[in-house]
PDB file of N, CA and C in Angstrom:
ATOM      1  N   UNK A   1      -2.799   1.626 -18.361  1.00  0.00           N
ATOM      2  CA  UNK A   1      -2.034   1.723 -17.125  1.00  0.00           C
ATOM      3  C   UNK A   1      -2.997   1.975 -15.969  1.00  0.00           C
ATOM      4  N   UNK A   2      -2.814   1.298 -14.846  1.00  0.00           N
ATOM      5  CA  UNK A   2      -3.696   1.522 -13.701  1.00  0.00           C
ATOM      6  C   UNK A   2      -3.528   2.929 -13.139  1.00  0.00           C
ATOM      7  N   UNK A   3      -4.595   3.445 -12.532  1.00  0.00           N
ATOM      8  CA  UNK A   3      -4.519   4.796 -11.975  1.00  0.00           C
ATOM      9  C   UNK A   3      -5.066   4.813 -10.552  1.00  0.00           C
ATOM     10  N   UNK A   4      -5.105   6.003  -9.979  1.00  0.00           N
ATOM     11  CA  UNK A   4      -5.515   6.115  -8.581  1.00  0.00           C
ATOM     12  C   UNK A   4      -6.971   5.752  -8.352  1.00  0.00           C
ATOM     13  N   UNK A   5      -7.814   5.864  -9.366  1.00  0.00           N
ATOM     14  CA  UNK A   5      -9.217   5.452  -9.225  1.00  0.00           C
ATOM     15  C   UNK A   5      -9.269   3.937  -9.006  1.00  0.00           C
ATOM     16  N   UNK A   6      -8.486   3.205  -9.798  1.00  0.00           N
ATOM     17  CA  UNK A   6      -8.401   1.752  -9.607  1.00  0.00           C
ATOM     18  C   UNK A   6      -7.836   1.442  -8.215  1.00  0.00           C
ATOM     19  N   UNK A   7      -6.841   2.202  -7.811  1.00  0.00           N
ATOM     20  CA  UNK A   7      -6.232   2.002  -6.501  1.00  0.00           C
ATOM     21  C   UNK A   7      -7.198   2.294  -5.363  1.00  0.00           C
ATOM     22  N   UNK A   8      -8.033   3.315  -5.536  1.00  0.00           N
ATOM     23  CA  UNK A   8      -9.029   3.649  -4.514  1.00  0.00           C
ATOM     24  C   UNK A   8     -10.022   2.503  -4.343  1.00  0.00           C
ATOM     25  N   UNK A   9     -10.401   1.871  -5.458  1.00  0.00           N
ATOM     26  CA  UNK A   9     -11.326   0.743  -5.388  1.00  0.00           C
ATOM     27  C   UNK A   9     -10.681  -0.434  -4.661  1.00  0.00           C
ATOM     28  N   UNK A  10      -9.398  -0.724  -4.960  1.00  0.00           N
ATOM     29  CA  UNK A  10      -8.691  -1.797  -4.269  1.00  0.00           C
ATOM     30  C   UNK A  10      -8.580  -1.469  -2.784  1.00  0.00           C
ATOM     31  N   UNK A  11      -8.254  -0.224  -2.464  1.00  0.00           N
ATOM     32  CA  UNK A  11      -8.127   0.201  -1.072  1.00  0.00           C
ATOM     33  C   UNK A  11      -9.444  -0.003  -0.336  1.00  0.00           C
ATOM     34  N   UNK A  12     -10.550   0.426  -0.926  1.00  0.00           N
ATOM     35  CA  UNK A  12     -11.858   0.303  -0.279  1.00  0.00           C
ATOM     36  C   UNK A  12     -12.190  -1.156   0.015  1.00  0.00           C
ATOM     37  N   UNK A  13     -11.821  -2.049  -0.883  1.00  0.00           N
ATOM     38  CA  UNK A  13     -12.141  -3.468  -0.720  1.00  0.00           C
ATOM     39  C   UNK A  13     -11.183  -4.209   0.205  1.00  0.00           C
ATOM     40  N   UNK A  14      -9.927  -3.789   0.262  1.00  0.00           N
ATOM     41  CA  UNK A  14      -8.908  -4.578   0.947  1.00  0.00           C
ATOM     42  C   UNK A  14      -8.206  -3.902   2.125  1.00  0.00           C
ATOM     43  N   UNK A  15      -8.333  -2.605   2.246  1.00  0.00           N
ATOM     44  CA  UNK A  15      -7.529  -1.882   3.239  1.00  0.00           C
ATOM     45  C   UNK A  15      -8.350  -1.044   4.214  1.00  0.00           C
ATOM     46  N   UNK A  16      -9.502  -0.562   3.777  1.00  0.00           N
ATOM     47  CA  UNK A  16     -10.279   0.386   4.580  1.00  0.00           C
ATOM     48  C   UNK A  16     -10.779  -0.189   5.897  1.00  0.00           C
ATOM     49  N   UNK A  17     -10.977  -1.484   5.972  1.00  0.00           N
ATOM     50  CA  UNK A  17     -11.474  -2.069   7.221  1.00  0.00           C
ATOM     51  C   UNK A  17     -10.516  -1.786   8.376  1.00  0.00           C
ATOM     52  N   UNK A  18      -9.231  -1.752   8.102  1.00  0.00           N
ATOM     53  CA  UNK A  18      -8.241  -1.461   9.148  1.00  0.00           C
ATOM     54  C   UNK A  18      -7.760  -0.018   9.094  1.00  0.00           C
ATOM     55  N   UNK A  19      -7.441   0.463   7.895  1.00  0.00           N
ATOM     56  CA  UNK A  19      -6.864   1.805   7.760  1.00  0.00           C
ATOM     57  C   UNK A  19      -7.918   2.902   7.714  1.00  0.00           C
ATOM     58  N   UNK A  20      -9.182   2.558   7.543  1.00  0.00           N
ATOM     59  CA  UNK A  20     -10.248   3.543   7.492  1.00  0.00           C
ATOM     60  C   UNK A  20     -10.503   4.040   6.085  1.00  0.00           C
ATOM     61  N   UNK A  21     -11.695   4.535   5.858  1.00  0.00           N
ATOM     62  CA  UNK A  21     -12.090   5.014   4.534  1.00  0.00           C
ATOM     63  C   UNK A  21     -11.210   6.150   4.042  1.00  0.00           C
ATOM     64  N   UNK A  22     -10.664   6.938   4.984  1.00  0.00           N
ATOM     65  CA  UNK A  22      -9.799   8.057   4.603  1.00  0.00           C
ATOM     66  C   UNK A  22      -8.322   7.736   4.820  1.00  0.00           C
ATOM     67  N   UNK A  23      -8.014   6.461   5.084  1.00  0.00           N
ATOM     68  CA  UNK A  23      -6.635   5.956   5.202  1.00  0.00           C
ATOM     69  C   UNK A  23      -5.873   6.520   6.393  1.00  0.00           C
ATOM     70  N   UNK A  24      -6.580   6.975   7.416  1.00  0.00           N
ATOM     71  CA  UNK A  24      -5.916   7.585   8.561  1.00  0.00           C
ATOM     72  C   UNK A  24      -5.709   6.619   9.725  1.00  0.00           C
ATOM     73  N   UNK A  25      -5.893   5.317   9.471  1.00  0.00           N
ATOM     74  CA  UNK A  25      -5.622   4.322  10.502  1.00  0.00           C
ATOM     75  C   UNK A  25      -6.759   4.087  11.471  1.00  0.00           C
ATOM     76  N   UNK A  26      -7.961   4.520  11.111  1.00  0.00           N
ATOM     77  CA  UNK A  26      -9.087   4.447  12.034  1.00  0.00           C
ATOM     78  C   UNK A  26     -10.249   3.617  11.505  1.00  0.00           C
ATOM     79  N   UNK A  27      -9.946   2.512  10.836  1.00  0.00           N
ATOM     80  CA  UNK A  27     -10.993   1.651  10.299  1.00  0.00           C
ATOM     81  C   UNK A  27     -11.756   0.926  11.395  1.00  0.00           C
ATOM     82  N   UNK A  28     -12.899   0.347  11.049  1.00  0.00           N
ATOM     83  CA  UNK A  28     -13.728  -0.326  12.050  1.00  0.00           C
ATOM     84  C   UNK A  28     -13.048  -1.520  12.724  1.00  0.00           C
ATOM     85  N   UNK A  29     -12.054  -2.120  12.111  1.00  0.00           N
ATOM     86  CA  UNK A  29     -11.344  -3.248  12.726  1.00  0.00           C
ATOM     87  C   UNK A  29     -10.078  -2.824  13.468  1.00  0.00           C
ATOM     88  N   UNK A  30      -9.707  -1.560  13.390  1.00  0.00           N
ATOM     89  CA  UNK A  30      -8.445  -1.080  13.961  1.00  0.00           C
ATOM     90  C   UNK A  30      -8.341  -1.344  15.455  1.00  0.00           C
ATOM     91  N   UNK A  31      -9.414  -1.161  16.175  1.00  0.00           N
ATOM     92  CA  UNK A  31      -9.371  -1.326  17.631  1.00  0.00           C
ATOM     93  C   UNK A  31      -9.103  -2.768  18.044  1.00  0.00           C
ATOM     94  N   UNK A  32      -9.398  -3.717  17.165  1.00  0.00           N
ATOM     95  CA  UNK A  32      -9.208  -5.132  17.476  1.00  0.00           C
ATOM     96  C   UNK A  32      -7.800  -5.633  17.168  1.00  0.00           C
ATOM     97  N   UNK A  33      -6.965  -4.801  16.595  1.00  0.00           N
ATOM     98  CA  UNK A  33      -5.621  -5.221  16.199  1.00  0.00           C
ATOM     99  C   UNK A  33      -4.604  -4.950  17.303  1.00  0.00           C
ATOM    100  N   UNK A  34      -3.580  -5.789  17.378  1.00  0.00           N
ATOM    101  CA  UNK A  34      -2.526  -5.594  18.380  1.00  0.00           C
ATOM    102  C   UNK A  34      -1.734  -4.319  18.110  1.00  0.00           C
ATOM    103  N   UNK A  35      -1.453  -4.065  16.852  1.00  0.00           N
ATOM    104  CA  UNK A  35      -0.726  -2.854  16.458  1.00  0.00           C
ATOM    105  C   UNK A  35      -1.676  -1.955  15.662  1.00  0.00           C
ATOM    106  N   UNK A  36      -1.664  -0.680  15.979  1.00  0.00           N
ATOM    107  CA  UNK A  36      -2.533   0.264  15.277  1.00  0.00           C
ATOM    108  C   UNK A  36      -2.114   0.391  13.821  1.00  0.00           C
ATOM    109  N   UNK A  37      -3.071   0.403  12.896  1.00  0.00           N
ATOM    110  CA  UNK A  37      -2.744   0.608  11.483  1.00  0.00           C
ATOM    111  C   UNK A  37      -2.148   1.997  11.269  1.00  0.00           C
ATOM    112  N   UNK A  38      -1.244   2.098  10.327  1.00  0.00           N
ATOM    113  CA  UNK A  38      -0.604   3.380  10.015  1.00  0.00           C
ATOM    114  C   UNK A  38      -1.578   4.356   9.384  1.00  0.00           C
ATOM    115  N   UNK A  39      -1.332   5.627   9.618  1.00  0.00           N
ATOM    116  CA  UNK A  39      -2.019   6.690   8.890  1.00  0.00           C
ATOM    117  C   UNK A  39      -1.305   6.787   7.550  1.00  0.00           C
ATOM    118  N   UNK A  40      -1.942   6.334   6.509  1.00  0.00           N
ATOM    119  CA  UNK A  40      -1.310   6.264   5.192  1.00  0.00           C
ATOM    120  C   UNK A  40      -1.286   7.597   4.458  1.00  0.00           C
ATOM    121  N   UNK A  41      -1.924   8.617   5.034  1.00  0.00           N
ATOM    122  CA  UNK A  41      -1.905   9.932   4.398  1.00  0.00           C
ATOM    123  C   UNK A  41      -0.657  10.728   4.766  1.00  0.00           C
ATOM    124  N   UNK A  42       0.147  10.187   5.684  1.00  0.00           N
ATOM    125  CA  UNK A  42       1.331  10.917   6.139  1.00  0.00           C
ATOM    126  C   UNK A  42       2.641  10.203   5.781  1.00  0.00           C
ATOM    127  N   UNK A  43       2.586   9.270   4.849  1.00  0.00           N
ATOM    128  CA  UNK A  43       3.797   8.547   4.460  1.00  0.00           C
ATOM    129  C   UNK A  43       4.872   9.492   3.928  1.00  0.00           C
ATOM    130  N   UNK A  44       4.485  10.424   3.083  1.00  0.00           N
ATOM    131  CA  UNK A  44       5.463  11.371   2.527  1.00  0.00           C
ATOM    132  C   UNK A  44       6.050  12.251   3.620  1.00  0.00           C
ATOM    133  N   UNK A  45       5.202  12.774   4.489  1.00  0.00           N
ATOM    134  CA  UNK A  45       5.673  13.643   5.567  1.00  0.00           C
ATOM    135  C   UNK A  45       6.682  12.907   6.444  1.00  0.00           C
ATOM    136  N   UNK A  46       6.415  11.632   6.728  1.00  0.00           N
ATOM    137  CA  UNK A  46       7.317  10.843   7.569  1.00  0.00           C
ATOM    138  C   UNK A  46       8.569  10.400   6.823  1.00  0.00           C
ATOM    139  N   UNK A  47       8.629  10.709   5.524  1.00  0.00           N
ATOM    140  CA  UNK A  47       9.785  10.333   4.707  1.00  0.00           C
ATOM    141  C   UNK A  47      10.424  11.575   4.085  1.00  0.00           C
ATOM    142  N   UNK A  48      10.487  12.644   4.840  1.00  0.00           N
ATOM    143  CA  UNK A  48      11.151  13.859   4.389  1.00  0.00           C
ATOM    144  C   UNK A  48      10.486  14.545   3.216  1.00  0.00           C
ATOM    145  N   UNK A  49       9.182  14.340   3.035  1.00  0.00           N
ATOM    146  CA  UNK A  49       8.447  15.012   1.969  1.00  0.00           C
ATOM    147  C   UNK A  49       8.390  14.249   0.655  1.00  0.00           C
ATOM    148  N   UNK A  50       8.950  13.052   0.627  1.00  0.00           N
ATOM    149  CA  UNK A  50       8.955  12.240  -0.593  1.00  0.00           C
ATOM    150  C   UNK A  50       8.162  10.961  -0.358  1.00  0.00           C
ATOM    151  N   UNK A  51       7.249  10.650  -1.267  1.00  0.00           N
ATOM    152  CA  UNK A  51       6.472   9.423  -1.126  1.00  0.00           C
ATOM    153  C   UNK A  51       7.394   8.216  -1.262  1.00  0.00           C
ATOM    154  N   UNK A  52       7.434   7.330  -0.263  1.00  0.00           N
ATOM    155  CA  UNK A  52       8.354   6.178  -0.280  1.00  0.00           C
ATOM    156  C   UNK A  52       7.784   5.012  -1.088  1.00  0.00           C
ATOM    157  N   UNK A  53       7.722   5.208  -2.376  1.00  0.00           N
ATOM    158  CA  UNK A  53       7.062   4.246  -3.264  1.00  0.00           C
ATOM    159  C   UNK A  53       7.631   2.832  -3.141  1.00  0.00           C
ATOM    160  N   UNK A  54       8.931   2.690  -3.216  1.00  0.00           N
ATOM    161  CA  UNK A  54       9.539   1.358  -3.180  1.00  0.00           C
ATOM    162  C   UNK A  54       9.299   0.687  -1.832  1.00  0.00           C
ATOM    163  N   UNK A  55       9.454   1.428  -0.756  1.00  0.00           N
ATOM    164  CA  UNK A  55       9.253   0.852   0.578  1.00  0.00           C
ATOM    165  C   UNK A  55       7.788   0.476   0.785  1.00  0.00           C
ATOM    166  N   UNK A  56       6.869   1.316   0.323  1.00  0.00           N
ATOM    167  CA  UNK A  56       5.447   1.016   0.461  1.00  0.00           C
ATOM    168  C   UNK A  56       5.087  -0.244  -0.327  1.00  0.00           C
ATOM    169  N   UNK A  57       5.568  -0.336  -1.549  1.00  0.00           N
ATOM    170  CA  UNK A  57       5.282  -1.520  -2.356  1.00  0.00           C
ATOM    171  C   UNK A  57       5.848  -2.772  -1.701  1.00  0.00           C
ATOM    172  N   UNK A  58       7.059  -2.674  -1.210  1.00  0.00           N
ATOM    173  CA  UNK A  58       7.701  -3.808  -0.565  1.00  0.00           C
ATOM    174  C   UNK A  58       6.869  -4.297   0.618  1.00  0.00           C
ATOM    175  N   UNK A  59       6.370  -3.378   1.404  1.00  0.00           N
ATOM    176  CA  UNK A  59       5.592  -3.769   2.577  1.00  0.00           C
ATOM    177  C   UNK A  59       4.241  -4.352   2.178  1.00  0.00           C
ATOM    178  N   UNK A  60       3.563  -3.719   1.237  1.00  0.00           N
ATOM    179  CA  UNK A  60       2.244  -4.187   0.815  1.00  0.00           C
ATOM    180  C   UNK A  60       2.338  -5.557   0.142  1.00  0.00           C
ATOM    181  N   UNK A  61       3.294  -5.692  -0.744  1.00  0.00           N
ATOM    182  CA  UNK A  61       3.430  -6.941  -1.492  1.00  0.00           C
ATOM    183  C   UNK A  61       3.843  -8.083  -0.578  1.00  0.00           C
ATOM    184  N   UNK A  62       4.639  -7.793   0.419  1.00  0.00           N
ATOM    185  CA  UNK A  62       5.080  -8.824   1.353  1.00  0.00           C
ATOM    186  C   UNK A  62       6.576  -8.773   1.543  1.00  0.00           C
ATOM    187  N   UNK A  63       7.039  -7.817   2.295  1.00  0.00           N
ATOM    188  CA  UNK A  63       8.464  -7.620   2.558  1.00  0.00           C
ATOM    189  C   UNK A  63       9.072  -8.903   3.112  1.00  0.00           C
ATOM    190  N   UNK A  64      10.075  -9.411   2.443  1.00  0.00           N
ATOM    191  CA  UNK A  64      10.704 -10.665   2.867  1.00  0.00           C
ATOM    192  C   UNK A  64      11.383 -10.545   4.229  1.00  0.00           C
ATOM    193  N   UNK A  65      11.664  -9.334   4.681  1.00  0.00           N
ATOM    194  CA  UNK A  65      12.275  -9.147   5.998  1.00  0.00           C
ATOM    195  C   UNK A  65      11.246  -9.237   7.113  1.00  0.00           C
ATOM    196  N   UNK A  66       9.998  -9.199   6.772  1.00  0.00           N
ATOM    197  CA  UNK A  66       8.934  -9.290   7.756  1.00  0.00           C
ATOM    198  C   UNK A  66       8.341 -10.697   7.707  1.00  0.00           C
ATOM    199  N   UNK A  67       8.628 -11.510   8.686  1.00  0.00           N
ATOM    200  CA  UNK A  67       8.064 -12.851   8.745  1.00  0.00           C
ATOM    201  C   UNK A  67       6.548 -12.746   8.816  1.00  0.00           C
ATOM    202  N   UNK A  68       5.862 -13.700   8.228  1.00  0.00           N
ATOM    203  CA  UNK A  68       4.401 -13.681   8.156  1.00  0.00           C
ATOM    204  C   UNK A  68       3.764 -13.448   9.532  1.00  0.00           C
ATOM    205  N   UNK A  69       4.257 -14.103  10.565  1.00  0.00           N
ATOM    206  CA  UNK A  69       3.642 -13.973  11.875  1.00  0.00           C
ATOM    207  C   UNK A  69       4.066 -12.702  12.606  1.00  0.00           C
ATOM    208  N   UNK A  70       5.063 -11.990  12.087  1.00  0.00           N
ATOM    209  CA  UNK A  70       5.538 -10.774  12.736  1.00  0.00           C
ATOM    210  C   UNK A  70       4.740  -9.552  12.302  1.00  0.00           C
ATOM    211  N   UNK A  71       3.867  -9.709  11.338  1.00  0.00           N
ATOM    212  CA  UNK A  71       3.097  -8.569  10.856  1.00  0.00           C
ATOM    213  C   UNK A  71       1.616  -8.869  10.931  1.00  0.00           C
ATOM    214  N   UNK A  72       0.832  -7.846  11.119  1.00  0.00           N
ATOM    215  CA  UNK A  72      -0.606  -7.994  11.195  1.00  0.00           C
ATOM    216  C   UNK A  72      -1.206  -7.905   9.795  1.00  0.00           C
ATOM    217  N   UNK A  73      -0.690  -7.000   8.986  1.00  0.00           N
ATOM    218  CA  UNK A  73      -1.236  -6.790   7.652  1.00  0.00           C
ATOM    219  C   UNK A  73      -0.950  -7.990   6.754  1.00  0.00           C
ATOM    220  N   UNK A  74      -1.951  -8.432   5.991  1.00  0.00           N
ATOM    221  CA  UNK A  74      -1.702  -9.551   5.078  1.00  0.00           C
ATOM    222  C   UNK A  74      -0.758  -9.145   3.955  1.00  0.00           C
ATOM    223  N   UNK A  75      -0.079 -10.126   3.400  1.00  0.00           N
ATOM    224  CA  UNK A  75       0.764  -9.896   2.230  1.00  0.00           C
ATOM    225  C   UNK A  75      -0.103 -10.048   0.996  1.00  0.00           C
ATOM    226  N   UNK A  76       0.116  -9.202   0.009  1.00  0.00           N
ATOM    227  CA  UNK A  76      -0.703  -9.219  -1.197  1.00  0.00           C
ATOM    228  C   UNK A  76       0.066  -9.706  -2.415  1.00  0.00           C
ATOM    229  N   UNK A  77       0.959 -10.632  -2.266  1.00  0.00           N
ATOM    230  CA  UNK A  77       1.735 -11.170  -3.391  1.00  0.00           C
ATOM    231  C   UNK A  77       0.944 -12.236  -4.123  1.00  0.00           C
ATOM    232  N   UNK A  78       1.588 -13.342  -4.375  1.00  0.00           N
ATOM    233  CA  UNK A  78       0.928 -14.492  -4.979  1.00  0.00           C
ATOM    234  C   UNK A  78       0.447 -14.268  -6.392  1.00  0.00           C
ATOM    235  N   UNK A  79      -0.834 -14.565  -6.642  1.00  0.00           N
ATOM    236  CA  UNK A  79      -1.401 -14.534  -7.984  1.00  0.00           C
ATOM    237  C   UNK A  79      -1.308 -13.159  -8.644  1.00  0.00           C
ATOM    238  N   UNK A  80      -1.162 -12.093  -7.849  1.00  0.00           N
ATOM    239  CA  UNK A  80      -1.039 -10.750  -8.427  1.00  0.00           C
ATOM    240  C   UNK A  80       0.167 -10.645  -9.347  1.00  0.00           C
ATOM    241  N   UNK A  81       1.166 -11.462  -9.106  1.00  0.00           N
ATOM    242  CA  UNK A  81       2.412 -11.388  -9.867  1.00  0.00           C
ATOM    243  C   UNK A  81       2.234 -11.814 -11.316  1.00  0.00           C
ATOM    244  N   UNK A  82       1.074 -12.287 -11.670  1.00  0.00           N
ATOM    245  CA  UNK A  82       0.831 -12.722 -13.048  1.00  0.00           C
ATOM    246  C   UNK A  82       0.402 -11.574 -13.959  1.00  0.00           C
ATOM    247  N   UNK A  83      -0.026 -10.456 -13.399  1.00  0.00           N
ATOM    248  CA  UNK A  83      -0.471  -9.301 -14.185  1.00  0.00           C
ATOM    249  C   UNK A  83       0.403  -8.107 -13.809  1.00  0.00           C
ATOM    250  N   UNK A  84       1.509  -7.949 -14.527  1.00  0.00           N
ATOM    251  CA  UNK A  84       2.502  -6.933 -14.192  1.00  0.00           C
ATOM    252  C   UNK A  84       2.483  -5.763 -15.158  1.00  0.00           C
ATOM    253  N   UNK A  85       2.805  -4.580 -14.631  1.00  0.00           N
ATOM    254  CA  UNK A  85       2.974  -3.376 -15.439  1.00  0.00           C
ATOM    255  C   UNK A  85       4.287  -2.725 -15.007  1.00  0.00           C
ATOM    256  N   UNK A  86       4.908  -1.949 -15.887  1.00  0.00           N
ATOM    257  CA  UNK A  86       6.153  -1.282 -15.484  1.00  0.00           C
ATOM    258  C   UNK A  86       5.866  -0.043 -14.621  1.00  0.00           C
ATOM    259  N   UNK A  87       6.563   0.048 -13.507  1.00  0.00           N
ATOM    260  CA  UNK A  87       6.471   1.212 -12.617  1.00  0.00           C
ATOM    261  C   UNK A  87       7.888   1.699 -12.371  1.00  0.00           C
ATOM    262  N   UNK A  88       8.069   3.012 -12.409  1.00  0.00           N
ATOM    263  CA  UNK A  88       9.406   3.585 -12.247  1.00  0.00           C
ATOM    264  C   UNK A  88       9.740   3.743 -10.766  1.00  0.00           C
ATOM    265  N   UNK A  89      10.836   3.117 -10.350  1.00  0.00           N
ATOM    266  CA  UNK A  89      11.372   3.240  -9.007  1.00  0.00           C
ATOM    267  C   UNK A  89      12.805   3.717  -9.135  1.00  0.00           C
ATOM    268  N   UNK A  90      13.073   4.929  -8.676  1.00  0.00           N
ATOM    269  CA  UNK A  90      14.426   5.484  -8.705  1.00  0.00           C
ATOM    270  C   UNK A  90      15.045   5.398 -10.096  1.00  0.00           C
ATOM    271  N   UNK A  91      14.256   5.723 -11.116  1.00  0.00           N
ATOM    272  CA  UNK A  91      14.746   5.741 -12.491  1.00  0.00           C
ATOM    273  C   UNK A  91      14.801   4.387 -13.175  1.00  0.00           C
ATOM    274  N   UNK A  92      14.330   3.347 -12.500  1.00  0.00           N
ATOM    275  CA  UNK A  92      14.364   2.006 -13.082  1.00  0.00           C
ATOM    276  C   UNK A  92      12.931   1.510 -13.252  1.00  0.00           C
ATOM    277  N   UNK A  93      12.579   1.109 -14.464  1.00  0.00           N
ATOM    278  CA  UNK A  93      11.257   0.545 -14.716  1.00  0.00           C
ATOM    279  C   UNK A  93      11.233  -0.867 -14.139  1.00  0.00           C
ATOM    280  N   UNK A  94      10.278  -1.110 -13.238  1.00  0.00           N
ATOM    281  CA  UNK A  94      10.215  -2.361 -12.491  1.00  0.00           C
ATOM    282  C   UNK A  94       8.861  -3.025 -12.696  1.00  0.00           C
ATOM    283  N   UNK A  95       8.839  -4.306 -13.087  1.00  0.00           N
ATOM    284  CA  UNK A  95       7.566  -5.013 -13.211  1.00  0.00           C
ATOM    285  C   UNK A  95       6.871  -5.062 -11.844  1.00  0.00           C
ATOM    286  N   UNK A  96       5.629  -4.600 -11.816  1.00  0.00           N
ATOM    287  CA  UNK A  96       4.872  -4.465 -10.573  1.00  0.00           C
ATOM    288  C   UNK A  96       3.449  -4.977 -10.810  1.00  0.00           C
ATOM    289  N   UNK A  97       2.879  -5.710  -9.858  1.00  0.00           N
ATOM    290  CA  UNK A  97       1.490  -6.128 -10.032  1.00  0.00           C
ATOM    291  C   UNK A  97       0.599  -4.920 -10.334  1.00  0.00           C
ATOM    292  N   UNK A  98      -0.238  -5.073 -11.350  1.00  0.00           N
ATOM    293  CA  UNK A  98      -1.098  -3.982 -11.823  1.00  0.00           C
ATOM    294  C   UNK A  98      -1.904  -3.360 -10.675  1.00  0.00           C
ATOM    295  N   UNK A  99      -2.531  -4.180  -9.874  1.00  0.00           N
ATOM    296  CA  UNK A  99      -3.384  -3.666  -8.818  1.00  0.00           C
ATOM    297  C   UNK A  99      -2.566  -2.902  -7.765  1.00  0.00           C
ATOM    298  N   UNK A 100      -1.350  -3.333  -7.519  1.00  0.00           N
ATOM    299  CA  UNK A 100      -0.522  -2.619  -6.552  1.00  0.00           C
ATOM    300  C   UNK A 100       0.038  -1.330  -7.130  1.00  0.00           C
ATOM    301  N   UNK A 101       0.257  -1.294  -8.431  1.00  0.00           N
ATOM    302  CA  UNK A 101       0.661  -0.042  -9.077  1.00  0.00           C
ATOM    303  C   UNK A 101      -0.456   0.987  -8.917  1.00  0.00           C
ATOM    304  N   UNK A 102      -1.694   0.538  -9.065  1.00  0.00           N
ATOM    305  CA  UNK A 102      -2.840   1.428  -8.881  1.00  0.00           C
ATOM    306  C   UNK A 102      -2.936   1.886  -7.433  1.00  0.00           C
ATOM    307  N   UNK A 103      -2.720   0.972  -6.496  1.00  0.00           N
ATOM    308  CA  UNK A 103      -2.774   1.330  -5.078  1.00  0.00           C
ATOM    309  C   UNK A 103      -1.697   2.352  -4.727  1.00  0.00           C
ATOM    310  N   UNK A 104      -0.505   2.183  -5.279  1.00  0.00           N
ATOM    311  CA  UNK A 104       0.561   3.167  -5.038  1.00  0.00           C
ATOM    312  C   UNK A 104       0.157   4.539  -5.574  1.00  0.00           C
ATOM    313  N   UNK A 105      -0.462   4.576  -6.758  1.00  0.00           N
ATOM    314  CA  UNK A 105      -0.913   5.851  -7.332  1.00  0.00           C
ATOM    315  C   UNK A 105      -1.938   6.509  -6.413  1.00  0.00           C
ATOM    316  N   UNK A 106      -2.841   5.708  -5.859  1.00  0.00           N
ATOM    317  CA  UNK A 106      -3.847   6.232  -4.939  1.00  0.00           C
ATOM    318  C   UNK A 106      -3.193   6.759  -3.667  1.00  0.00           C
ATOM    319  N   UNK A 107      -2.330   5.960  -3.072  1.00  0.00           N
ATOM    320  CA  UNK A 107      -1.690   6.378  -1.824  1.00  0.00           C
ATOM    321  C   UNK A 107      -0.867   7.651  -2.016  1.00  0.00           C
ATOM    322  N   UNK A 108      -0.178   7.739  -3.133  1.00  0.00           N
ATOM    323  CA  UNK A 108       0.611   8.951  -3.398  1.00  0.00           C
ATOM    324  C   UNK A 108      -0.307  10.166  -3.552  1.00  0.00           C
ATOM    325  N   UNK A 109      -1.480   9.958  -4.138  1.00  0.00           N
ATOM    326  CA  UNK A 109      -2.412  11.064  -4.377  1.00  0.00           C
ATOM    327  C   UNK A 109      -3.052  11.588  -3.090  1.00  0.00           C
ATOM    328  N   UNK A 110      -3.107  10.772  -2.037  1.00  0.00           N
ATOM    329  CA  UNK A 110      -3.801  11.212  -0.813  1.00  0.00           C
ATOM    330  C   UNK A 110      -2.851  11.734   0.265  1.00  0.00           C
ATOM    331  N   UNK A 111      -1.599  11.937  -0.083  1.00  0.00           N
ATOM    332  CA  UNK A 111      -0.639  12.439   0.904  1.00  0.00           C
ATOM    333  C   UNK A 111      -0.996  13.865   1.316  1.00  0.00           C
ATOM    334  N   UNK A 112      -0.887  14.130   2.614  1.00  0.00           N
ATOM    335  CA  UNK A 112      -1.176  15.464   3.155  1.00  0.00           C
ATOM    336  C   UNK A 112       0.030  16.359   3.035  1.00  0.00           C
TER     337      UNK A 112
END
């Protein structure tokens, strides 16, 4: 099963340029973006103290409600869907791309 160490590696390679090495929204490319990247260490705080796992996954994977041109962050769907692991969302085991399951574990671990 993927863990937060795997997620940290994915984050460093794919997310830190915008969100920053510490996920606080201050990456080296952040100033060049139209919308400031979110501080990912405060997701739980902004969600009443609970990590919004399903919403975070939906956004990272590519929320169908967000048109491609309406968002700055790339969608990480596609070929990832071929390597799935079960992740529990609200008591339901849900097939989730392995790398995104690891990223969720990492993001949950860094909440302030």
